[in-house]
Structures are given as structure tokens and as C-alpha cells.
Amino acid sequence: MEVAANIVDVLRASIYPGIIRIEGGVIKEVSRVTSKFSTYIMPGFIDSHVHVESSMLTPSQFARLAVIHGTVASISDPHEMANVLGMEGVKYMIDNGKTVPFKFLFGAPSCVPATDFETSEGRIDVDGVEDLFKSGDVGYLAEMMNYPGVIDRVPSVVSKIECAKKYGKPIDGHAPGLTGEALKRYVESGISTDHETLSYEEGIEKIHYGMKLLIREGSAAKNFDELFPIIERYPDMCMLCSDDKHPDSLVEGHIDALVRRGIEKGIGIMTMLKCACVNPVLHYGLNVGLLRPGDPADFIEVENLVDFRVKRTFIEGFIVAEDNLPKITPPVSHRVNNFKCPTLNEDSFKIRAKRDRVPVIEAINNQIITGSIWVIPKREGDFVVSDKDRDILKIAVVNRYRETRPALGFVKNFGLKRGAIASSVAHDSHNIVAVGVDDRDLCSAVNLVIKNRGGLAIANGTMEAVLPLPIGGLMSDGDGFSVAREYVRMDRIAKELGSTLDAPFMTLSFMSLIVIPKLKISDMGLFDGETFRFIDDFKG
């Protein structure tokens, strides 16, 4: 097989007309010719950090959407399914990924459970991490979120880092806002990347200590505009990632969109392609081709070097996408899950008035960090209730693994004027998280999730809508394009109920991510992500 076009040789920063000869899925020869071509061949794009589960698609369905945008590989942390199902969840992700011609590099989850301040069923200790490395199915230690444990040299944390070193595996980091001596100690432990950087100054400091930046632009957390100037200054130290990508966003674009934006902002083409295509291969030791003889025949053919519209995507010589259509056909996925909580009644969501002021989570559009304020709550009799006029709404987290009362609190900036939304996608432990204007709808939305054993749900009086997620309560077993359409419908309904957020369900999913500052809520109560302690408890 031969493919002819203008070859974009990123390693040598050159472009020339050429022919690639492929045998058995491997590039046998790359030859220069004098012909003129209208299209370009270049290495495929790589997402350097993503939780596939956040697309609400199985790995095989995620791959179907990713390849139409020229993505050929991803560095995938399966800790969402790991928190729900432990090693069984990791095995599901690996096995499902193997059913399609896409290059998933899964990591060994390092923080399952993420903390002891929330309930999850999954448990992966150092023996589990070592078993995963021995299996040969994982290629790195996934993001070490417990940065206090790293800095304080907690034995259970250090043992996982040392295990990764023993097997020669890279170690991914997670260090939002970490600076100074604490950052230095974190990096010196052996952690080599970070995708949680929020500011230019923070990014430069991390690079100074030897960290590589995974510059993130997902469906909720968007840091590209703040961090892209670092790429020009340190092109060898940067990669691009989505982290969490909802299905509608994945239909629209992936890493290709970040390459376009970088070039529009004045960064050189070869510099952007180095970050998007080459650096992940070199850092993680990926078996992904870079257009060299002997490499796997992984590459993309694009119409031009302006918008990078993908004509064809090749993985090991097979055409896996052509003209915006995937040519991957995944098998039907089996369902694995872990849902044990019963349905609830309205009284479970009442908050008795016990104090004059209450803490309120401040959601921030397109960010996973939050603010924190104290307010005088609205009262009705002996209870405090949502105050839609001030956009202070009740938030609940329901333990999905056993029967217990919900943790309750208040959140600002969701904007709902009526109804409630709920989700079993609730990082990191994936209990049920819900926000609502009144207890009736809050209860109805939560019960919809429970009845479907996972999903996104909306309730507004007699109106109910649900997107079922029967695999782990995180993923659909449906076609990616259909799931994307259903997600768009759910997003539209939430906004019709008043939500002012760009991605209300994505933002909702991060309200329980207690390892990210400032104020969050787990199934155990309101939690200060800066001091790592509970600050109040409306439970019971």
C-alpha cells in the first residue's frame, strides 16, 4: 500500500512531497518525489490526558468519535470506573479499548479511593498497582491527586510512586495551585506532569522544577487561553489534553481544535504539532508512529495546514476514518455496574434551620475550582430552602453504594429558576449529585437516576427527562453520535429551566470533586478543599 501527499515531518521541521509505503501495518519507506500534491500527511494527534468515562461513552465508542478528528491515541486514566468497581472497572476499560483499532494507553489509578472523605466502592492498593504493571496493560501511574500525601511522604502514597519507578513507568501529577517548596518536593518525588495548572506564572514555575505541562481544554475546565504562551517558550515541555470531554464537544472537535487555536494565536505550525503529536509519544513511550521507516503506519491526511480538516485517519495502515465518518465498528458492550441505594422521599432533602448564616459553594463557569461564601439563607418555617431570586440553590449528594441520608448544602451560579438536575457522574466517587429549586423536583431527579442505575436526569413537576448511563453509572452502551444528541437535548432542557452555565451537567459533576479547592460537597458533607476538612454538615 502506498499513500502520496505532502509529508509534514515534525521531527525534522520540514514539509516535502513524498510517498509512504506500508507493509503489514508498518512504514517501510518514506521517499521524496517531485510531484505536486494538494493534501498533507502528518502524525496523528494524541490526547495526553483524558478520562474516557467523562465522554459518557465506552472506550470503543470514544475512539469512533476521536478518529474523525485525527486523534490516533490517548493517555487515559480509568480512575472513574476504578472508583466505582475497583480492578473490575479498570479491566473493563482495558478490554473494551482492545476491541477497536485505536491506541489507548491506560494508566494504573493511583488514588482509588481519591480520599477518605467520601464513599466509593473501589479500592486499589499498591499490590493492585503492581498487578496492573505486571499485566503489561498499563503504561504509567495515573494522576497522583493526593499531593499532600506525596509532600508528607505518606507510606501508602510513596509505595505506589516507588512501584512505578520499579517498572520504569512515568508518573502523572495533579497539583492545582501548588507552588514553592511544596511543589519542589512534589516534583522531586518523581512526578513528571501536571494538567491542573491555572495560570501562566504557575506553569512556568512547574516547568522550572522539571514538570511537563499538559495544557487542558475540556468541556468544563478551559485553560488554553491562559497557558498557550508557554508553548512558544518551552515547546519540548508541553502537551495538549482534554481531561474531561462531553460527547457533544467530542463530536465537534478534539486535539485538532487546540492546534487550530494555537496557530491562530501565532504559534508556529511545527511547534503546535510537536505538542500535539510528538511529545506524548516521547514522554510515555507510546507505540505510535511518527512517519519514520519502521514505525507503525499511524498518521492522518489533512486538506491543509490551516484548519487541519481530516480527510483520512490511518492506524497501523488501516483507514479508521474518512471524510468525517468513522470506519470503526465496535462490538456490543456488556454492562457492569454498582448501584445499591433505594429511592428516596422528599423529606430526605429538608434542611432544618439551625444557624443564621450558611456556607455556599460558588460554581465558576468553565472551571472545576469553586469559590466559597457565607450568606443568610432563605427560610420557610423551620427549614432553609433554595432562593432562586439570589441564585442560591440546594445541592445534594446521595451515596449510591449504600442506604444513608443525603449530604445537603447550597450552591450559587447554576441559575435554575425551576426544576432540578441530577447526575451519577460525580467525580471522583460517582455518588449522585443534584441541584434543584425545590425538594420535590430534587427528589424526583435523584430517583430517576436511581431507577436507571445511573444517568443524567431532569425533573420539573410532571416533566422528566433522563439519559441512562448503565455502564458503571458513567457510560452509555449506545452509539456515540446518538449519545451526543441526547446529551445536547438534556443540556438544552437544563438551560431552558434557567441554567446560565455553558455545561451545567459537567459543572455539576465537579461539585463533589473535593480534591479541587475551594468548597465542595461529598456524600459525607461540605468540604474545604484547601484545608482538607469538613466545615459544616447539613446531614440529618
Protein backbone atom coordinates (compact mmCIF):
# COMPACT_ATOMS: atom_id res chain seq x y z
CA MET A 1 0.00 0.00 0.00
CA GLU A 2 1.23 3.49 -0.83
CA VAL A 3 -0.03 6.91 0.24
CA ALA A 4 1.19 10.04 -1.56
CA ALA A 5 0.90 13.63 -0.31
CA ASN A 6 2.95 16.50 1.10
CA ILE A 7 4.68 14.97 4.12
CA VAL A 8 4.82 17.04 7.30
CA ASP A 9 7.97 15.79 9.04
CA VAL A 10 7.56 17.27 12.50
CA LEU A 11 10.72 15.67 13.87
CA ARG A 12 12.81 17.50 11.26
CA ALA A 13 10.51 20.51 10.93
CA SER A 14 10.21 20.12 7.16
CA ILE A 15 7.48 19.64 4.56
CA TYR A 16 8.07 17.92 1.24
CA PRO A 17 6.14 15.93 -1.39
CA GLY A 18 6.54 12.23 -0.78
CA ILE A 19 5.22 8.69 -0.84
CA ILE A 20 4.80 6.44 2.17
CA ARG A 21 5.00 2.70 1.50
CA ILE A 22 3.26 0.47 4.04
CA GLU A 23 3.58 -3.26 4.59
CA GLY A 24 1.88 -5.18 7.37
CA GLY A 25 0.79 -2.02 9.15
CA VAL A 26 4.37 -0.68 9.28
CA ILE A 27 6.01 2.13 7.32
CA LYS A 28 8.66 0.52 5.14
CA GLU A 29 9.80 3.58 3.25
CA VAL A 30 9.30 7.34 3.09
CA SER A 31 10.55 8.72 -0.22
CA ARG A 32 10.76 12.24 -1.59
CA VAL A 33 9.27 12.90 -5.03
CA THR A 34 8.94 15.91 -7.33
CA SER A 35 5.18 15.62 -7.81
CA LYS A 36 2.78 18.23 -6.51
CA PHE A 37 0.04 17.25 -4.08
CA SER A 38 -2.94 19.09 -2.62
CA THR A 39 -3.14 17.25 0.72
CA TYR A 40 -0.77 16.74 3.64
CA ILE A 41 0.26 13.69 5.66
CA MET A 42 1.27 14.24 9.27
CA PRO A 43 1.47 12.30 12.55
CA GLY A 44 -1.85 11.71 14.29
CA PHE A 45 -2.99 13.76 17.26
CA ILE A 46 -2.72 12.44 20.82
CA ASP A 47 -4.80 13.43 23.85
CA SER A 48 -2.17 13.45 26.60
CA HIS A 49 -4.65 13.14 29.49
CA VAL A 50 -8.29 12.12 29.36
CA HIS A 51 -10.86 10.28 31.42
CA VAL A 52 -12.74 8.47 28.68
CA GLU A 53 -15.66 7.89 31.04
CA SER A 54 -16.42 11.63 31.05
CA SER A 55 -17.44 11.36 27.40
CA MET A 56 -20.23 9.07 28.71
CA LEU A 57 -19.06 6.66 26.02
CA THR A 58 -17.28 3.34 26.23
CA PRO A 59 -13.65 3.44 25.06
CA SER A 60 -14.62 1.84 21.75
CA GLN A 61 -17.31 4.47 21.11
CA PHE A 62 -14.97 7.25 22.25
CA ALA A 63 -12.49 6.03 19.63
CA ARG A 64 -15.15 6.22 16.88
CA LEU A 65 -15.61 9.93 17.52
CA ALA A 66 -11.95 10.75 18.18
CA VAL A 67 -10.61 9.32 14.92
CA ILE A 68 -12.75 11.61 12.75
CA HIS A 69 -10.71 14.48 14.22
CA GLY A 70 -7.37 12.80 13.55
CA THR A 71 -6.77 11.51 17.07
CA VAL A 72 -4.97 8.16 16.97
CA ALA A 73 -4.10 7.67 20.64
CA SER A 74 -4.93 8.83 24.15
CA ILE A 75 -3.31 8.71 27.56
CA SER A 76 -6.34 7.51 29.51
CA ASP A 77 -6.77 7.42 33.27
CA PRO A 78 -9.55 4.91 34.13
CA HIS A 79 -9.94 6.03 37.72
CA GLU A 80 -13.62 6.93 37.27
CA MET A 81 -14.57 3.29 36.67
CA ALA A 82 -11.95 2.26 39.23
CA ASN A 83 -13.69 4.29 41.93
CA VAL A 84 -16.98 2.57 41.10
CA LEU A 85 -15.79 -1.00 40.53
CA GLY A 86 -12.13 -1.21 41.54
CA MET A 87 -9.94 -3.52 39.46
CA GLU A 88 -13.01 -4.84 37.64
CA GLY A 89 -13.66 -1.32 36.34
CA VAL A 90 -10.07 -0.90 35.11
CA LYS A 91 -10.20 -4.28 33.40
CA TYR A 92 -13.46 -3.33 31.68
CA MET A 93 -11.89 -0.17 30.24
CA ILE A 94 -8.78 -2.00 29.02
CA ASP A 95 -10.71 -4.89 27.48
CA ASN A 96 -13.25 -2.65 25.76
CA GLY A 97 -10.46 -0.46 24.38
CA LYS A 98 -8.84 -3.52 22.82
CA THR A 99 -11.91 -4.17 20.66
CA VAL A 100 -11.10 -1.30 18.28
CA PRO A 101 -8.03 -0.14 16.30
CA PHE A 102 -7.22 2.85 18.48
CA LYS A 103 -4.17 3.27 20.70
CA PHE A 104 -5.31 3.64 24.29
CA LEU A 105 -2.56 3.89 26.87
CA PHE A 106 -4.33 3.28 30.15
CA GLY A 107 -2.76 4.15 33.48
CA ALA A 108 -2.76 2.42 36.85
CA PRO A 109 -5.04 4.57 39.04
CA SER A 110 -3.05 5.99 41.92
CA CYS A 111 -5.82 7.37 44.13
CA VAL A 112 -8.68 4.90 44.45
CA PRO A 113 -10.37 5.95 46.59
CA ALA A 114 -9.40 9.54 45.91
CA THR A 115 -9.74 10.46 49.60
CA ASP A 116 -11.18 9.11 52.83
CA PHE A 117 -13.69 11.97 52.89
CA GLU A 118 -16.19 10.38 50.50
CA THR A 119 -17.67 6.95 49.88
CA SER A 120 -16.57 4.83 46.94
CA GLU A 121 -16.59 1.09 46.43
CA GLY A 122 -13.34 0.82 44.51
CA ARG A 123 -10.07 0.08 46.28
CA ILE A 124 -6.71 -0.21 44.51
CA ASP A 125 -3.69 -0.50 46.78
CA VAL A 126 -0.03 -0.83 45.85
CA ASP A 127 -0.48 -4.57 45.19
CA GLY A 128 -3.21 -3.74 42.68
CA VAL A 129 -0.99 -1.13 41.02
CA GLU A 130 1.81 -3.68 40.75
CA ASP A 131 -0.55 -6.30 39.30
CA LEU A 132 -1.56 -3.81 36.60
CA PHE A 133 2.06 -3.05 35.73
CA LYS A 134 2.88 -6.78 35.63
CA SER A 135 -0.04 -7.38 33.25
CA GLY A 136 1.55 -5.15 30.62
CA ASP A 137 -1.84 -3.50 30.02
CA VAL A 138 -0.99 -0.13 31.61
CA GLY A 139 1.80 2.27 30.77
CA TYR A 140 2.04 4.80 33.58
CA LEU A 141 0.93 5.71 37.09
CA ALA A 142 -2.15 7.86 36.66
CA GLU A 143 -2.54 11.29 38.23
CA MET A 144 -1.36 11.43 41.83
CA MET A 145 -4.12 13.62 43.25
CA ASN A 146 -3.06 13.16 46.85
CA TYR A 147 -0.37 15.81 46.70
CA PRO A 148 -0.41 16.34 50.50
CA GLY A 149 0.37 12.63 50.86
CA VAL A 150 3.28 12.96 48.42
CA ILE A 151 4.69 16.02 50.16
CA ASP A 152 4.31 14.47 53.62
CA ARG A 153 5.75 11.15 52.40
CA VAL A 154 2.74 9.07 53.47
CA PRO A 155 3.88 5.43 53.13
CA SER A 156 0.84 4.19 51.17
CA VAL A 157 1.31 7.02 48.65
CA VAL A 158 5.07 6.70 48.37
CA SER A 159 4.81 2.94 47.81
CA LYS A 160 2.78 3.46 44.62
CA ILE A 161 5.28 6.00 43.31
CA GLU A 162 8.15 3.65 44.05
CA CYS A 163 6.28 0.83 42.32
CA ALA A 164 6.01 2.92 39.14
CA LYS A 165 9.72 3.69 39.31
CA LYS A 166 10.49 -0.01 39.74
CA TYR A 167 8.75 -0.74 36.44
CA GLY A 168 10.16 2.33 34.72
CA LYS A 169 6.77 3.97 34.24
CA PRO A 170 6.07 7.72 34.02
CA ILE A 171 4.09 9.23 36.90
CA ASP A 172 1.35 11.76 36.19
CA GLY A 173 0.66 14.62 38.57
CA HIS A 174 -2.27 16.66 39.80
CA ALA A 175 -1.16 19.82 41.57
CA PRO A 176 -3.64 22.71 41.28
CA GLY A 177 -2.14 25.90 42.69
CA LEU A 178 0.86 24.13 44.22
CA THR A 179 3.93 26.39 44.37
CA GLY A 180 7.22 26.94 46.17
CA GLU A 181 8.86 24.34 48.37
CA ALA A 182 5.75 22.14 48.38
CA LEU A 183 5.81 21.98 44.58
CA LYS A 184 9.53 21.25 44.61
CA ARG A 185 9.04 18.30 46.97
CA TYR A 186 6.15 17.03 44.86
CA VAL A 187 8.19 17.06 41.65
CA GLU A 188 11.30 15.62 43.31
CA SER A 189 9.25 12.56 44.29
CA GLY A 190 9.32 11.57 40.62
CA ILE A 191 6.09 13.11 39.32
CA SER A 192 6.62 14.36 35.78
CA THR A 193 3.44 16.05 34.50
CA ASP A 194 0.59 18.32 35.56
CA HIS A 195 -2.73 19.09 33.85
CA GLU A 196 -4.23 21.25 36.61
CA THR A 197 -2.22 24.43 36.00
CA LEU A 198 -4.40 27.54 36.04
CA SER A 199 -2.02 30.46 35.42
CA TYR A 200 0.98 31.34 33.28
CA GLU A 201 3.15 32.00 36.34
CA GLU A 202 2.19 28.67 37.90
CA GLY A 203 3.02 26.88 34.66
CA ILE A 204 6.45 28.49 34.36
CA GLU A 205 7.29 27.54 37.94
CA LYS A 206 6.29 23.93 37.34
CA ILE A 207 8.44 23.74 34.22
CA HIS A 208 11.30 25.31 36.18
CA TYR A 209 11.14 22.35 38.58
CA GLY A 210 11.11 19.89 35.67
CA MET A 211 7.41 19.19 35.20
CA LYS A 212 5.84 18.91 31.76
CA LEU A 213 2.58 20.79 31.27
CA LEU A 214 -0.46 19.05 29.85
CA ILE A 215 -2.37 22.12 28.66
CA ARG A 216 -6.05 21.41 29.15
CA GLU A 217 -9.15 22.44 27.27
CA GLY A 218 -12.09 20.23 28.16
CA SER A 219 -15.85 20.67 28.40
CA ALA A 220 -15.68 22.25 31.87
CA ALA A 221 -12.07 23.24 32.60
CA LYS A 222 -10.63 25.54 29.95
CA ASN A 223 -7.04 26.69 30.47
CA PHE A 224 -5.68 27.01 26.93
CA ASP A 225 -6.08 30.78 26.56
CA GLU A 226 -4.15 31.38 29.78
CA LEU A 227 -1.36 28.88 29.13
CA PHE A 228 -0.72 28.81 25.37
CA PRO A 229 2.13 31.43 25.51
CA ILE A 230 4.16 28.84 27.43
CA ILE A 231 4.18 26.61 24.34
CA GLU A 232 6.30 29.03 22.31
CA ARG A 233 8.74 29.43 25.19
CA TYR A 234 9.01 25.74 26.17
CA PRO A 235 7.80 23.63 23.20
CA ASP A 236 9.53 20.48 24.45
CA MET A 237 7.78 20.69 27.83
CA CYS A 238 4.16 20.99 26.69
CA MET A 239 1.42 18.62 25.52
CA LEU A 240 -2.29 19.09 24.85
CA CYS A 241 -5.16 17.35 26.61
CA SER A 242 -8.91 17.45 27.12
CA ASP A 243 -9.08 15.79 30.58
CA ASP A 244 -12.90 15.60 30.55
CA LYS A 245 -14.79 15.82 27.27
CA HIS A 246 -18.55 15.50 26.95
CA PRO A 247 -19.95 13.71 23.88
CA ASP A 248 -21.32 16.79 22.13
CA SER A 249 -17.92 18.51 22.43
CA LEU A 250 -16.18 15.41 21.11
CA VAL A 251 -18.41 15.37 18.03
CA GLU A 252 -17.37 18.97 17.32
CA GLY A 253 -13.62 18.62 17.79
CA HIS A 254 -10.75 17.25 19.82
CA ILE A 255 -7.00 17.97 19.89
CA ASP A 256 -7.27 19.27 16.31
CA ALA A 257 -9.26 22.24 17.63
CA LEU A 258 -6.44 23.20 20.01
CA VAL A 259 -3.87 23.01 17.21
CA ARG A 260 -6.01 25.37 15.13
CA ARG A 261 -6.35 27.80 18.03
CA GLY A 262 -2.66 27.79 18.76
CA ILE A 263 -1.79 28.58 15.16
CA GLU A 264 -4.45 31.32 15.05
CA LYS A 265 -2.75 32.85 18.09
CA GLY A 266 0.58 32.98 16.26
CA ILE A 267 2.33 29.80 17.39
CA GLY A 268 4.27 28.09 14.62
CA ILE A 269 2.78 25.02 12.96
CA MET A 270 5.69 22.74 13.80
CA THR A 271 5.67 23.90 17.41
CA MET A 272 1.99 23.10 17.83
CA LEU A 273 2.37 19.73 16.12
CA LYS A 274 5.29 18.88 18.38
CA CYS A 275 3.00 19.34 21.38
CA ALA A 276 0.03 17.58 19.81
CA CYS A 277 1.75 14.65 18.08
CA VAL A 278 5.35 14.11 19.15
CA ASN A 279 5.87 14.98 22.82
CA PRO A 280 3.34 12.44 24.15
CA VAL A 281 4.97 9.66 22.12
CA LEU A 282 8.39 10.50 23.54
CA HIS A 283 7.28 11.06 27.14
CA TYR A 284 5.07 7.99 27.52
CA GLY A 285 6.97 5.70 25.14
CA LEU A 286 3.88 5.20 23.00
CA ASN A 287 3.87 2.67 20.20
CA VAL A 288 2.59 5.37 17.86
CA GLY A 289 4.23 6.18 14.57
CA LEU A 290 5.92 9.47 13.72
CA LEU A 291 6.31 8.91 9.94
CA ARG A 292 9.65 7.10 10.17
CA PRO A 293 10.59 3.83 8.46
CA GLY A 294 9.91 1.03 10.94
CA ASP A 295 7.17 2.99 12.72
CA PRO A 296 3.55 1.82 12.87
CA ALA A 297 1.62 3.40 9.99
CA ASP A 298 -0.29 5.82 12.23
CA PHE A 299 -0.92 9.15 10.54
CA ILE A 300 -3.56 11.49 9.18
CA GLU A 301 -4.19 13.09 5.82
CA VAL A 302 -5.45 16.67 6.05
CA GLU A 303 -6.68 19.09 3.41
CA ASN A 304 -4.49 21.97 4.53
CA LEU A 305 -2.36 23.29 7.38
CA VAL A 306 -4.83 25.99 8.37
CA ASP A 307 -7.94 24.25 9.68
CA PHE A 308 -6.47 20.73 9.54
CA ARG A 309 -9.69 19.22 8.22
CA VAL A 310 -9.06 15.49 8.33
CA LYS A 311 -9.67 13.55 5.13
CA ARG A 312 -8.43 10.21 6.40
CA THR A 313 -7.07 8.75 9.63
CA PHE A 314 -4.78 5.73 9.47
CA ILE A 315 -3.90 3.44 12.38
CA GLU A 316 -1.40 0.70 11.58
CA GLY A 317 -2.21 1.10 7.91
CA PHE A 318 -5.97 0.77 8.27
CA ILE A 319 -8.26 3.67 7.37
CA VAL A 320 -10.27 4.21 10.57
CA ALA A 321 -11.98 7.45 9.49
CA GLU A 322 -12.66 9.12 6.17
CA ASP A 323 -14.40 12.40 5.34
CA ASN A 324 -15.75 12.90 8.88
CA LEU A 325 -17.12 9.37 9.14
CA PRO A 326 -15.65 6.67 11.38
CA LYS A 327 -14.88 3.25 9.95
CA ILE A 328 -14.67 1.59 13.35
CA THR A 329 -17.44 -0.86 14.29
CA PRO A 330 -17.28 -1.76 17.98
CA PRO A 331 -18.98 -4.91 19.28
CA VAL A 332 -21.96 -4.63 21.62
CA SER A 333 -20.66 -3.87 25.11
CA HIS A 334 -21.71 -5.83 28.18
CA ARG A 335 -22.89 -3.89 31.22
CA VAL A 336 -21.07 -3.69 34.53
CA ASN A 337 -22.40 -1.55 37.35
CA ASN A 338 -22.59 -0.89 41.08
CA PHE A 339 -25.83 0.72 42.31
CA LYS A 340 -27.25 -0.26 45.69
CA CYS A 341 -29.19 2.74 47.07
CA PRO A 342 -33.01 2.72 47.29
CA THR A 343 -35.24 5.54 46.06
CA LEU A 344 -35.75 8.46 48.45
CA ASN A 345 -38.61 10.67 49.64
CA GLU A 346 -38.89 14.46 49.79
CA ASP A 347 -38.23 14.64 53.50
CA SER A 348 -34.71 13.35 52.88
CA PHE A 349 -33.84 16.70 51.30
CA LYS A 350 -35.08 19.04 54.02
CA ILE A 351 -32.56 21.23 55.86
CA ARG A 352 -33.63 22.35 59.32
CA ALA A 353 -32.75 25.97 60.18
CA LYS A 354 -30.02 25.76 62.82
CA ARG A 355 -27.84 28.82 62.18
CA ASP A 356 -28.06 32.41 60.96
CA ARG A 357 -25.51 32.05 58.16
CA VAL A 358 -24.67 29.09 55.91
CA PRO A 359 -21.72 28.29 53.63
CA VAL A 360 -22.40 28.35 49.90
CA ILE A 361 -20.39 26.78 47.09
CA GLU A 362 -19.72 29.25 44.27
CA ALA A 363 -19.68 27.41 40.94
CA ILE A 364 -17.45 29.04 38.32
CA ASN A 365 -18.35 28.70 34.65
CA ASN A 366 -15.85 26.60 32.66
CA GLN A 367 -13.73 25.82 35.73
CA ILE A 368 -13.60 22.92 38.14
CA ILE A 369 -12.41 25.09 41.02
CA THR A 370 -15.09 26.82 43.10
CA GLY A 371 -15.42 29.80 45.39
CA SER A 372 -16.91 29.92 48.88
CA ILE A 373 -19.18 32.46 50.56
CA TRP A 374 -21.36 32.65 53.68
CA VAL A 375 -24.91 34.01 53.39
CA ILE A 376 -28.08 34.49 55.39
CA PRO A 377 -30.33 31.74 53.99
CA LYS A 378 -33.96 31.92 52.93
CA ARG A 379 -36.28 30.32 55.47
CA GLU A 380 -39.68 28.70 55.26
CA GLY A 381 -40.87 27.85 58.75
CA ASP A 382 -38.30 25.68 60.49
CA PHE A 383 -36.35 24.97 57.30
CA VAL A 384 -33.87 26.71 55.00
CA VAL A 385 -34.68 26.42 51.30
CA SER A 386 -33.43 27.33 47.87
CA ASP A 387 -33.52 31.03 46.98
CA LYS A 388 -33.85 31.28 43.20
CA ASP A 389 -34.00 35.08 43.32
CA ARG A 390 -30.43 35.13 44.66
CA ASP A 391 -29.50 32.02 42.67
CA ILE A 392 -28.70 30.10 45.84
CA LEU A 393 -29.97 26.56 45.28
CA LYS A 394 -29.97 23.39 47.31
CA ILE A 395 -27.34 20.81 46.39
CA ALA A 396 -27.42 17.16 47.46
CA VAL A 397 -25.03 14.23 47.24
CA VAL A 398 -26.60 10.79 47.67
CA ASN A 399 -24.47 7.74 48.47
CA ARG A 400 -25.10 5.29 45.63
CA TYR A 401 -23.34 2.36 47.30
CA ARG A 402 -25.46 2.01 50.45
CA GLU A 403 -28.58 3.39 52.10
CA THR A 404 -27.97 6.62 54.02
CA ARG A 405 -29.30 10.17 54.21
CA PRO A 406 -28.08 12.66 51.58
CA ALA A 407 -25.45 15.27 52.33
CA LEU A 408 -27.00 18.68 51.75
CA GLY A 409 -25.80 22.21 51.16
CA PHE A 410 -26.21 25.24 48.92
CA VAL A 411 -24.62 26.31 45.66
CA LYS A 412 -24.61 29.55 43.70
CA ASN A 413 -24.41 30.29 39.93
CA PHE A 414 -26.31 27.34 38.48
CA GLY A 415 -29.11 29.76 37.59
CA LEU A 416 -32.04 27.33 37.63
CA LYS A 417 -35.39 29.08 38.01
CA ARG A 418 -37.40 25.87 38.27
CA GLY A 419 -36.84 22.14 38.42
CA ALA A 420 -33.76 20.11 39.29
CA ILE A 421 -30.91 18.29 37.59
CA ALA A 422 -29.09 15.20 38.86
CA SER A 423 -26.21 13.00 37.74
CA SER A 424 -24.37 9.83 38.72
CA VAL A 425 -21.28 11.30 37.03
CA ALA A 426 -19.88 12.94 40.15
CA HIS A 427 -16.11 12.99 40.45
CA ASP A 428 -14.36 11.18 41.98
CA SER A 429 -16.50 8.58 43.74
CA HIS A 430 -19.53 8.99 41.47
CA ASN A 431 -22.24 9.16 44.03
CA ILE A 432 -25.37 11.01 42.88
CA VAL A 433 -25.12 14.80 42.83
CA ALA A 434 -28.16 17.04 42.28
CA VAL A 435 -29.11 20.73 42.30
CA GLY A 436 -32.68 21.95 42.48
CA VAL A 437 -35.10 24.78 43.16
CA ASP A 438 -37.40 22.71 45.39
CA ASP A 439 -37.29 19.43 47.30
CA ARG A 440 -39.96 17.72 45.20
CA ASP A 441 -38.06 18.09 41.94
CA LEU A 442 -34.73 17.44 43.64
CA CYS A 443 -36.08 14.13 44.93
CA SER A 444 -37.64 13.23 41.56
CA ALA A 445 -34.41 13.88 39.65
CA VAL A 446 -32.36 11.79 42.10
CA ASN A 447 -34.88 8.93 41.94
CA LEU A 448 -34.75 8.97 38.13
CA VAL A 449 -31.01 8.37 38.34
CA ILE A 450 -31.51 5.56 40.85
CA LYS A 451 -34.25 3.86 38.82
CA ASN A 452 -32.00 3.85 35.74
CA ARG A 453 -28.97 2.68 37.76
CA GLY A 454 -27.12 5.74 36.59
CA GLY A 455 -27.54 8.65 34.23
CA LEU A 456 -28.29 12.32 33.83
CA ALA A 457 -31.79 13.35 34.90
CA ILE A 458 -34.04 16.41 34.92
CA ALA A 459 -37.31 16.88 36.79
CA ASN A 460 -39.72 19.81 36.62
CA GLY A 461 -43.13 18.96 38.01
CA THR A 462 -44.58 16.27 35.74
CA MET A 463 -41.80 16.72 33.15
CA GLU A 464 -39.00 14.21 33.41
CA ALA A 465 -36.02 13.54 31.14
CA VAL A 466 -33.19 11.08 31.51
CA LEU A 467 -30.05 9.96 29.66
CA PRO A 468 -29.37 6.46 31.03
CA LEU A 469 -25.74 5.51 31.76
CA PRO A 470 -25.98 1.80 32.59
CA ILE A 471 -22.25 1.02 32.47
CA GLY A 472 -20.88 1.94 35.87
CA GLY A 473 -23.45 4.71 36.07
CA LEU A 474 -20.93 6.59 33.92
CA MET A 475 -21.24 5.44 30.33
CA SER A 476 -23.91 4.59 27.79
CA ASP A 477 -23.70 1.43 25.74
CA GLY A 478 -25.15 3.29 22.76
CA ASP A 479 -23.69 4.81 19.62
CA GLY A 480 -21.54 7.88 20.28
CA PHE A 481 -23.39 10.16 17.89
CA SER A 482 -26.77 9.18 19.41
CA VAL A 483 -25.49 9.76 22.93
CA ALA A 484 -24.18 13.16 21.85
CA ARG A 485 -27.61 14.12 20.50
CA GLU A 486 -29.29 13.00 23.73
CA TYR A 487 -26.77 14.93 25.78
CA VAL A 488 -27.46 18.07 23.72
CA ARG A 489 -31.17 17.61 24.46
CA MET A 490 -30.53 17.31 28.20
CA ASP A 491 -28.24 20.34 28.12
CA ARG A 492 -30.90 22.35 26.28
CA ILE A 493 -33.61 21.45 28.79
CA ALA A 494 -31.38 22.40 31.73
CA LYS A 495 -30.77 25.79 30.12
CA GLU A 496 -34.48 26.23 29.41
CA LEU A 497 -35.01 25.79 33.15
CA GLY A 498 -32.70 28.77 33.66
CA SER A 499 -29.15 27.44 33.95
CA THR A 500 -26.64 30.04 32.81
CA LEU A 501 -23.66 27.67 32.75
CA ASP A 502 -22.10 26.65 29.45
CA ALA A 503 -22.09 22.99 30.55
CA PRO A 504 -24.42 22.58 33.55
CA PHE A 505 -24.08 18.79 33.84
CA MET A 506 -20.31 18.90 33.52
CA THR A 507 -20.10 21.63 36.17
CA LEU A 508 -22.46 19.64 38.39
CA SER A 509 -20.19 16.61 38.15
CA PHE A 510 -17.29 18.57 39.67
CA MET A 511 -19.19 19.93 42.68
CA SER A 512 -18.22 16.76 44.53
CA LEU A 513 -14.56 16.75 43.41
CA ILE A 514 -13.23 17.52 46.86
CA VAL A 515 -9.53 17.35 45.92
CA ILE A 516 -10.01 20.63 43.99
CA PRO A 517 -10.46 23.88 46.00
CA LYS A 518 -12.27 25.67 47.39
CA LEU A 519 -15.61 24.46 48.73
CA LYS A 520 -17.12 21.16 47.53
CA ILE A 521 -19.53 18.57 48.85
CA SER A 522 -19.20 14.80 49.18
CA ASP A 523 -21.74 12.27 50.44
CA MET A 524 -20.26 12.94 53.90
CA GLY A 525 -20.79 16.71 53.91
CA LEU A 526 -19.40 20.08 52.84
CA PHE A 527 -15.65 20.01 52.43
CA ASP A 528 -12.92 22.66 52.34
CA GLY A 529 -10.50 21.63 49.60
CA GLU A 530 -7.80 23.99 50.85
CA THR A 531 -7.65 22.81 54.46
CA PHE A 532 -8.84 19.27 53.66
CA ARG A 533 -11.51 19.16 56.34
CA PHE A 534 -15.28 19.23 56.64
CA ILE A 535 -16.56 22.67 57.51
CA ASP A 536 -20.25 22.09 58.11
CA ASP A 537 -22.77 19.30 57.89
CA PHE A 538 -26.42 19.63 56.99
CA LYS A 539 -26.90 15.88 57.03
CA GLY A 540 -29.75 14.57 59.15
